[in-house]
All heavy atoms as atom14 arrays in JSON, in Angstrom:
{
  "sequence": "NLPSSSATVSWEAVSYAVPEDRYEIFKTGAEAE",
  "atom14_mask": [
    [1, 1, 1, 1, 1, 1, 1, 1, 0, 0, 0, 0, 0, 0],
    [1, 1, 1, 1, 1, 1, 1, 1, 0, 0, 0, 0, 0, 0],
    [1, 1, 1, 1, 1, 1, 1, 0, 0, 0, 0, 0, 0, 0],
    [1, 1, 1, 1, 1, 1, 0, 0, 0, 0, 0, 0, 0, 0],
    [1, 1, 1, 1, 1, 1, 0, 0, 0, 0, 0, 0, 0, 0],
    [1, 1, 1, 1, 1, 1, 0, 0, 0, 0, 0, 0, 0, 0],
    [1, 1, 1, 1, 1, 0, 0, 0, 0, 0, 0, 0, 0, 0],
    [1, 1, 1, 1, 1, 1, 1, 0, 0, 0, 0, 0, 0, 0],
    [1, 1, 1, 1, 1, 1, 1, 0, 0, 0, 0, 0, 0, 0],
    [1, 1, 1, 1, 1, 1, 0, 0, 0, 0, 0, 0, 0, 0],
    [1, 1, 1, 1, 1, 1, 1, 1, 1, 1, 1, 1, 1, 1],
    [1, 1, 1, 1, 1, 1, 1, 1, 1, 0, 0, 0, 0, 0],
    [1, 1, 1, 1, 1, 0, 0, 0, 0, 0, 0, 0, 0, 0],
    [1, 1, 1, 1, 1, 1, 1, 0, 0, 0, 0, 0, 0, 0],
    [1, 1, 1, 1, 1, 1, 0, 0, 0, 0, 0, 0, 0, 0],
    [1, 1, 1, 1, 1, 1, 1, 1, 1, 1, 1, 1, 0, 0],
    [1, 1, 1, 1, 1, 0, 0, 0, 0, 0, 0, 0, 0, 0],
    [1, 1, 1, 1, 1, 1, 1, 0, 0, 0, 0, 0, 0, 0],
    [1, 1, 1, 1, 1, 1, 1, 0, 0, 0, 0, 0, 0, 0],
    [1, 1, 1, 1, 1, 1, 1, 1, 1, 0, 0, 0, 0, 0],
    [1, 1, 1, 1, 1, 1, 1, 1, 0, 0, 0, 0, 0, 0],
    [1, 1, 1, 1, 1, 1, 1, 1, 1, 1, 1, 0, 0, 0],
    [1, 1, 1, 1, 1, 1, 1, 1, 1, 1, 1, 1, 0, 0],
    [1, 1, 1, 1, 1, 1, 1, 1, 1, 0, 0, 0, 0, 0],
    [1, 1, 1, 1, 1, 1, 1, 1, 0, 0, 0, 0, 0, 0],
    [1, 1, 1, 1, 1, 1, 1, 1, 1, 1, 1, 0, 0, 0],
    [1, 1, 1, 1, 1, 1, 1, 1, 1, 0, 0, 0, 0, 0],
    [1, 1, 1, 1, 1, 1, 1, 0, 0, 0, 0, 0, 0, 0],
    [1, 1, 1, 1, 0, 0, 0, 0, 0, 0, 0, 0, 0, 0],
    [1, 1, 1, 1, 1, 0, 0, 0, 0, 0, 0, 0, 0, 0],
    [1, 1, 1, 1, 1, 1, 1, 1, 1, 0, 0, 0, 0, 0],
    [1, 1, 1, 1, 1, 0, 0, 0, 0, 0, 0, 0, 0, 0],
    [1, 1, 1, 1, 1, 1, 1, 1, 1, 0, 0, 0, 0, 0]
  ],
  "atom14_positions": [
    [[0.79, -1.24, 0.0], [0.0, 0.0, 0.0], [0.82, 1.28, 0.0], [0.32, 2.32, -0.44], [-0.94, 0.0, 1.2], [-1.88, -1.18, 1.18], [-2.47, -1.51, 0.16], [-2.0, -1.85, 2.31], [0.0, 0.0, 0.0], [0.0, 0.0, 0.0], [0.0, 0.0, 0.0], [0.0, 0.0, 0.0], [0.0, 0.0, 0.0], [0.0, 0.0, 0.0]],
    [[2.03, 1.24, 0.51], [2.87, 2.44, 0.62], [4.3, 2.15, 0.18], [5.25, 2.43, 0.9], [2.87, 2.94, 2.08], [1.53, 3.2, 2.75], [1.72, 3.45, 4.24], [0.83, 4.37, 2.09], [0.0, 0.0, 0.0], [0.0, 0.0, 0.0], [0.0, 0.0, 0.0], [0.0, 0.0, 0.0], [0.0, 0.0, 0.0], [0.0, 0.0, 0.0]],
    [[4.48, 1.59, -1.01], [5.81, 1.09, -1.39], [6.93, 2.13, -1.43], [8.06, 1.8, -1.1], [5.58, 0.48, -2.78], [4.36, 1.13, -3.29], [3.51, 1.45, -2.09], [0.0, 0.0, 0.0], [0.0, 0.0, 0.0], [0.0, 0.0, 0.0], [0.0, 0.0, 0.0], [0.0, 0.0, 0.0], [0.0, 0.0, 0.0], [0.0, 0.0, 0.0]],
    [[6.64, 3.35, -1.8], [7.71, 4.36, -1.91], [7.57, 5.46, -0.86], [8.13, 6.54, -1.0], [7.71, 4.96, -3.31], [6.45, 5.55, -3.58], [0.0, 0.0, 0.0], [0.0, 0.0, 0.0], [0.0, 0.0, 0.0], [0.0, 0.0, 0.0], [0.0, 0.0, 0.0], [0.0, 0.0, 0.0], [0.0, 0.0, 0.0], [0.0, 0.0, 0.0]],
    [[6.85, 5.17, 0.19], [6.59, 6.16, 1.23], [7.76, 6.29, 2.21], [8.44, 5.32, 2.52], [5.33, 5.76, 2.0], [5.18, 6.52, 3.16], [0.0, 0.0, 0.0], [0.0, 0.0, 0.0], [0.0, 0.0, 0.0], [0.0, 0.0, 0.0], [0.0, 0.0, 0.0], [0.0, 0.0, 0.0], [0.0, 0.0, 0.0], [0.0, 0.0, 0.0]],
    [[7.94, 7.51, 2.71], [8.96, 7.7, 3.75], [8.59, 6.95, 5.02], [9.45, 6.56, 5.79], [9.16, 9.19, 4.04], [7.96, 9.79, 4.46], [0.0, 0.0, 0.0], [0.0, 0.0, 0.0], [0.0, 0.0, 0.0], [0.0, 0.0, 0.0], [0.0, 0.0, 0.0], [0.0, 0.0, 0.0], [0.0, 0.0, 0.0], [0.0, 0.0, 0.0]],
    [[7.29, 6.7, 5.24], [6.86, 5.92, 6.4], [7.34, 4.47, 6.27], [7.76, 3.87, 7.26], [5.35, 5.98, 6.53], [0.0, 0.0, 0.0], [0.0, 0.0, 0.0], [0.0, 0.0, 0.0], [0.0, 0.0, 0.0], [0.0, 0.0, 0.0], [0.0, 0.0, 0.0], [0.0, 0.0, 0.0], [0.0, 0.0, 0.0], [0.0, 0.0, 0.0]],
    [[7.3, 3.94, 5.07], [7.78, 2.57, 4.84], [9.29, 2.49, 5.05], [9.78, 1.59, 5.73], [7.42, 2.11, 3.42], [5.99, 2.11, 3.29], [7.94, 0.72, 3.12], [0.0, 0.0, 0.0], [0.0, 0.0, 0.0], [0.0, 0.0, 0.0], [0.0, 0.0, 0.0], [0.0, 0.0, 0.0], [0.0, 0.0, 0.0], [0.0, 0.0, 0.0]],
    [[10.01, 3.44, 4.48], [11.47, 3.48, 4.64], [11.82, 3.61, 6.12], [12.74, 2.95, 6.61], [12.07, 4.63, 3.81], [13.56, 4.8, 4.09], [11.84, 4.41, 2.33], [0.0, 0.0, 0.0], [0.0, 0.0, 0.0], [0.0, 0.0, 0.0], [0.0, 0.0, 0.0], [0.0, 0.0, 0.0], [0.0, 0.0, 0.0], [0.0, 0.0, 0.0]],
    [[11.07, 4.44, 6.83], [11.31, 4.63, 8.26], [11.12, 3.32, 9.02], [11.96, 2.95, 9.85], [10.37, 5.69, 8.83], [10.65, 6.94, 8.29], [0.0, 0.0, 0.0], [0.0, 0.0, 0.0], [0.0, 0.0, 0.0], [0.0, 0.0, 0.0], [0.0, 0.0, 0.0], [0.0, 0.0, 0.0], [0.0, 0.0, 0.0], [0.0, 0.0, 0.0]],
    [[10.02, 2.61, 8.75], [9.79, 1.36, 9.48], [10.86, 0.34, 9.14], [11.35, -0.38, 10.01], [8.4, 0.77, 9.24], [8.34, -0.56, 9.93], [8.33, -1.8, 9.37], [8.37, -0.79, 11.35], [8.37, -2.78, 10.34], [8.39, -2.18, 11.56], [8.4, 0.05, 12.46], [8.41, -2.74, 12.84], [8.43, -0.51, 13.72], [8.43, -1.89, 13.91]],
    [[11.25, 0.26, 7.86], [12.29, -0.71, 7.47], [13.57, -0.47, 8.25], [14.21, -1.41, 8.7], [12.53, -0.65, 5.97], [11.39, -1.23, 5.16], [11.52, -1.0, 3.67], [12.42, -0.23, 3.24], [10.7, -1.56, 2.92], [0.0, 0.0, 0.0], [0.0, 0.0, 0.0], [0.0, 0.0, 0.0], [0.0, 0.0, 0.0], [0.0, 0.0, 0.0]],
    [[13.95, 0.77, 8.44], [15.16, 1.09, 9.2], [14.95, 0.84, 10.69], [15.79, 0.23, 11.35], [15.55, 2.55, 8.96], [0.0, 0.0, 0.0], [0.0, 0.0, 0.0], [0.0, 0.0, 0.0], [0.0, 0.0, 0.0], [0.0, 0.0, 0.0], [0.0, 0.0, 0.0], [0.0, 0.0, 0.0], [0.0, 0.0, 0.0], [0.0, 0.0, 0.0]],
    [[13.82, 1.29, 11.21], [13.54, 1.18, 12.64], [13.38, -0.28, 13.07], [13.69, -0.63, 14.21], [12.28, 2.01, 12.99], [11.76, 1.7, 14.38], [12.58, 3.49, 12.85], [0.0, 0.0, 0.0], [0.0, 0.0, 0.0], [0.0, 0.0, 0.0], [0.0, 0.0, 0.0], [0.0, 0.0, 0.0], [0.0, 0.0, 0.0], [0.0, 0.0, 0.0]],
    [[12.94, -1.13, 12.18], [12.72, -2.53, 12.55], [14.01, -3.23, 12.97], [13.96, -4.27, 13.61], [12.04, -3.29, 11.4], [12.9, -3.4, 10.28], [0.0, 0.0, 0.0], [0.0, 0.0, 0.0], [0.0, 0.0, 0.0], [0.0, 0.0, 0.0], [0.0, 0.0, 0.0], [0.0, 0.0, 0.0], [0.0, 0.0, 0.0], [0.0, 0.0, 0.0]],
    [[15.16, -2.65, 12.63], [16.45, -3.2, 13.04], [16.98, -2.59, 14.33], [17.99, -3.02, 14.86], [17.5, -2.99, 11.93], [17.29, -3.9, 10.74], [16.54, -3.47, 9.65], [17.85, -5.17, 10.71], [16.33, -4.3, 8.55], [17.66, -6.0, 9.61], [16.89, -5.56, 8.54], [16.7, -6.39, 7.46], [0.0, 0.0, 0.0], [0.0, 0.0, 0.0]],
    [[16.31, -1.59, 14.84], [16.77, -0.89, 16.05], [16.53, -1.75, 17.29], [15.83, -2.77, 17.25], [16.03, 0.44, 16.19], [0.0, 0.0, 0.0], [0.0, 0.0, 0.0], [0.0, 0.0, 0.0], [0.0, 0.0, 0.0], [0.0, 0.0, 0.0], [0.0, 0.0, 0.0], [0.0, 0.0, 0.0], [0.0, 0.0, 0.0], [0.0, 0.0, 0.0]],
    [[17.1, -1.3, 18.4], [16.85, -1.95, 19.68], [15.34, -1.95, 19.91], [14.69, -0.91, 19.75], [17.57, -1.19, 20.82], [17.23, -1.75, 22.18], [19.07, -1.18, 20.58], [0.0, 0.0, 0.0], [0.0, 0.0, 0.0], [0.0, 0.0, 0.0], [0.0, 0.0, 0.0], [0.0, 0.0, 0.0], [0.0, 0.0, 0.0], [0.0, 0.0, 0.0]],
    [[14.76, -3.09, 20.23], [13.29, -3.19, 20.32], [12.63, -2.09, 21.14], [11.61, -1.53, 20.73], [13.06, -4.56, 20.93], [14.23, -5.37, 20.47], [15.39, -4.4, 20.47], [0.0, 0.0, 0.0], [0.0, 0.0, 0.0], [0.0, 0.0, 0.0], [0.0, 0.0, 0.0], [0.0, 0.0, 0.0], [0.0, 0.0, 0.0], [0.0, 0.0, 0.0]],
    [[13.18, -1.76, 22.29], [12.57, -0.78, 23.18], [12.61, 0.64, 22.59], [11.87, 1.52, 23.04], [13.25, -0.78, 24.56], [13.08, -2.08, 25.32], [13.99, -3.2, 24.82], [15.08, -2.93, 24.27], [13.59, -4.37, 24.95], [0.0, 0.0, 0.0], [0.0, 0.0, 0.0], [0.0, 0.0, 0.0], [0.0, 0.0, 0.0], [0.0, 0.0, 0.0]],
    [[13.47, 0.88, 21.61], [13.62, 2.21, 21.03], [12.83, 2.39, 19.73], [12.74, 3.51, 19.22], [15.09, 2.5, 20.75], [15.92, 2.56, 22.02], [15.35, 2.78, 23.11], [17.15, 2.37, 21.93], [0.0, 0.0, 0.0], [0.0, 0.0, 0.0], [0.0, 0.0, 0.0], [0.0, 0.0, 0.0], [0.0, 0.0, 0.0], [0.0, 0.0, 0.0]],
    [[12.3, 1.32, 19.17], [11.67, 1.39, 17.84], [10.56, 2.41, 17.76], [10.51, 3.21, 16.82], [11.14, 0.01, 17.44], [12.23, -0.96, 17.13], [11.69, -2.33, 16.77], [12.82, -3.22, 16.59], [12.82, -4.5, 16.9], [11.72, -5.07, 17.38], [13.9, -5.21, 16.72], [0.0, 0.0, 0.0], [0.0, 0.0, 0.0], [0.0, 0.0, 0.0]],
    [[9.66, 2.41, 18.71], [8.52, 3.33, 18.63], [8.97, 4.79, 18.71], [8.53, 5.61, 17.91], [7.48, 3.03, 19.74], [6.38, 4.05, 19.76], [5.41, 4.05, 18.75], [6.32, 5.04, 20.74], [4.41, 5.02, 18.74], [5.32, 5.99, 20.73], [4.36, 5.97, 19.73], [3.37, 6.92, 19.71], [0.0, 0.0, 0.0], [0.0, 0.0, 0.0]],
    [[9.82, 5.1, 19.66], [10.26, 6.49, 19.83], [11.02, 7.0, 18.61], [10.87, 8.15, 18.2], [11.11, 6.65, 21.09], [10.3, 6.67, 22.37], [9.23, 7.77, 22.41], [9.5, 8.9, 21.96], [8.13, 7.48, 22.89], [0.0, 0.0, 0.0], [0.0, 0.0, 0.0], [0.0, 0.0, 0.0], [0.0, 0.0, 0.0], [0.0, 0.0, 0.0]],
    [[11.83, 6.13, 18.0], [12.56, 6.53, 16.8], [11.57, 6.81, 15.66], [11.66, 7.83, 14.97], [13.59, 5.46, 16.39], [14.69, 5.33, 17.45], [14.19, 5.78, 15.02], [15.59, 4.11, 17.26], [0.0, 0.0, 0.0], [0.0, 0.0, 0.0], [0.0, 0.0, 0.0], [0.0, 0.0, 0.0], [0.0, 0.0, 0.0], [0.0, 0.0, 0.0]],
    [[10.61, 5.9, 15.46], [9.62, 6.08, 14.4], [8.78, 7.33, 14.66], [8.54, 8.13, 13.75], [8.72, 4.85, 14.29], [7.83, 4.87, 13.08], [8.27, 4.35, 11.87], [6.56, 5.41, 13.14], [7.45, 4.37, 10.75], [5.73, 5.44, 12.03], [6.18, 4.92, 10.83], [0.0, 0.0, 0.0], [0.0, 0.0, 0.0], [0.0, 0.0, 0.0]],
    [[8.36, 7.51, 15.9], [7.54, 8.66, 16.29], [8.28, 9.97, 16.02], [7.71, 10.92, 15.47], [7.17, 8.55, 17.77], [6.31, 9.68, 18.32], [6.03, 9.43, 19.81], [5.09, 10.39, 20.43], [5.44, 11.78, 20.36], [0.0, 0.0, 0.0], [0.0, 0.0, 0.0], [0.0, 0.0, 0.0], [0.0, 0.0, 0.0], [0.0, 0.0, 0.0]],
    [[9.55, 10.02, 16.36], [10.35, 11.22, 16.11], [10.43, 11.52, 14.62], [10.28, 12.67, 14.2], [11.77, 11.05, 16.71], [11.64, 10.82, 18.12], [12.64, 12.26, 16.45], [0.0, 0.0, 0.0], [0.0, 0.0, 0.0], [0.0, 0.0, 0.0], [0.0, 0.0, 0.0], [0.0, 0.0, 0.0], [0.0, 0.0, 0.0], [0.0, 0.0, 0.0]],
    [[10.63, 10.5, 13.81], [10.66, 10.68, 12.36], [9.32, 11.13, 11.81], [9.27, 12.01, 10.94], [0.0, 0.0, 0.0], [0.0, 0.0, 0.0], [0.0, 0.0, 0.0], [0.0, 0.0, 0.0], [0.0, 0.0, 0.0], [0.0, 0.0, 0.0], [0.0, 0.0, 0.0], [0.0, 0.0, 0.0], [0.0, 0.0, 0.0], [0.0, 0.0, 0.0]],
    [[8.25, 10.54, 12.31], [6.9, 10.92, 11.86], [6.63, 12.38, 12.18], [6.13, 13.13, 11.34], [5.85, 10.02, 12.51], [0.0, 0.0, 0.0], [0.0, 0.0, 0.0], [0.0, 0.0, 0.0], [0.0, 0.0, 0.0], [0.0, 0.0, 0.0], [0.0, 0.0, 0.0], [0.0, 0.0, 0.0], [0.0, 0.0, 0.0], [0.0, 0.0, 0.0]],
    [[6.97, 12.8, 13.38], [6.72, 14.18, 13.78], [7.57, 15.16, 12.97], [7.09, 16.25, 12.61], [6.97, 14.34, 15.28], [5.92, 13.63, 16.1], [6.17, 13.65, 17.61], [7.3, 13.96, 18.04], [5.21, 13.35, 18.34], [0.0, 0.0, 0.0], [0.0, 0.0, 0.0], [0.0, 0.0, 0.0], [0.0, 0.0, 0.0], [0.0, 0.0, 0.0]],
    [[8.8, 14.77, 12.65], [9.66, 15.63, 11.83], [9.08, 15.77, 10.42], [9.05, 16.86, 9.85], [11.07, 15.08, 11.77], [0.0, 0.0, 0.0], [0.0, 0.0, 0.0], [0.0, 0.0, 0.0], [0.0, 0.0, 0.0], [0.0, 0.0, 0.0], [0.0, 0.0, 0.0], [0.0, 0.0, 0.0], [0.0, 0.0, 0.0], [0.0, 0.0, 0.0]],
    [[8.6, 14.68, 9.87], [8.03, 14.69, 8.52], [6.7, 15.44, 8.47], [6.44, 16.21, 7.55], [7.82, 13.24, 8.05], [7.16, 13.1, 6.71], [8.13, 13.16, 5.54], [9.35, 13.06, 5.75], [7.65, 13.32, 4.42], [0.0, 0.0, 0.0], [0.0, 0.0, 0.0], [0.0, 0.0, 0.0], [0.0, 0.0, 0.0], [0.0, 0.0, 0.0]]
  ]
}
């Protein structure tokens, strides 16, 4: 549904982060965008 979206790219990167930090990292990116 969102193949070229910055939200998709963000999740792909965040999915490799430390589990406890994933939401905050994604949230920060979403708010910046």
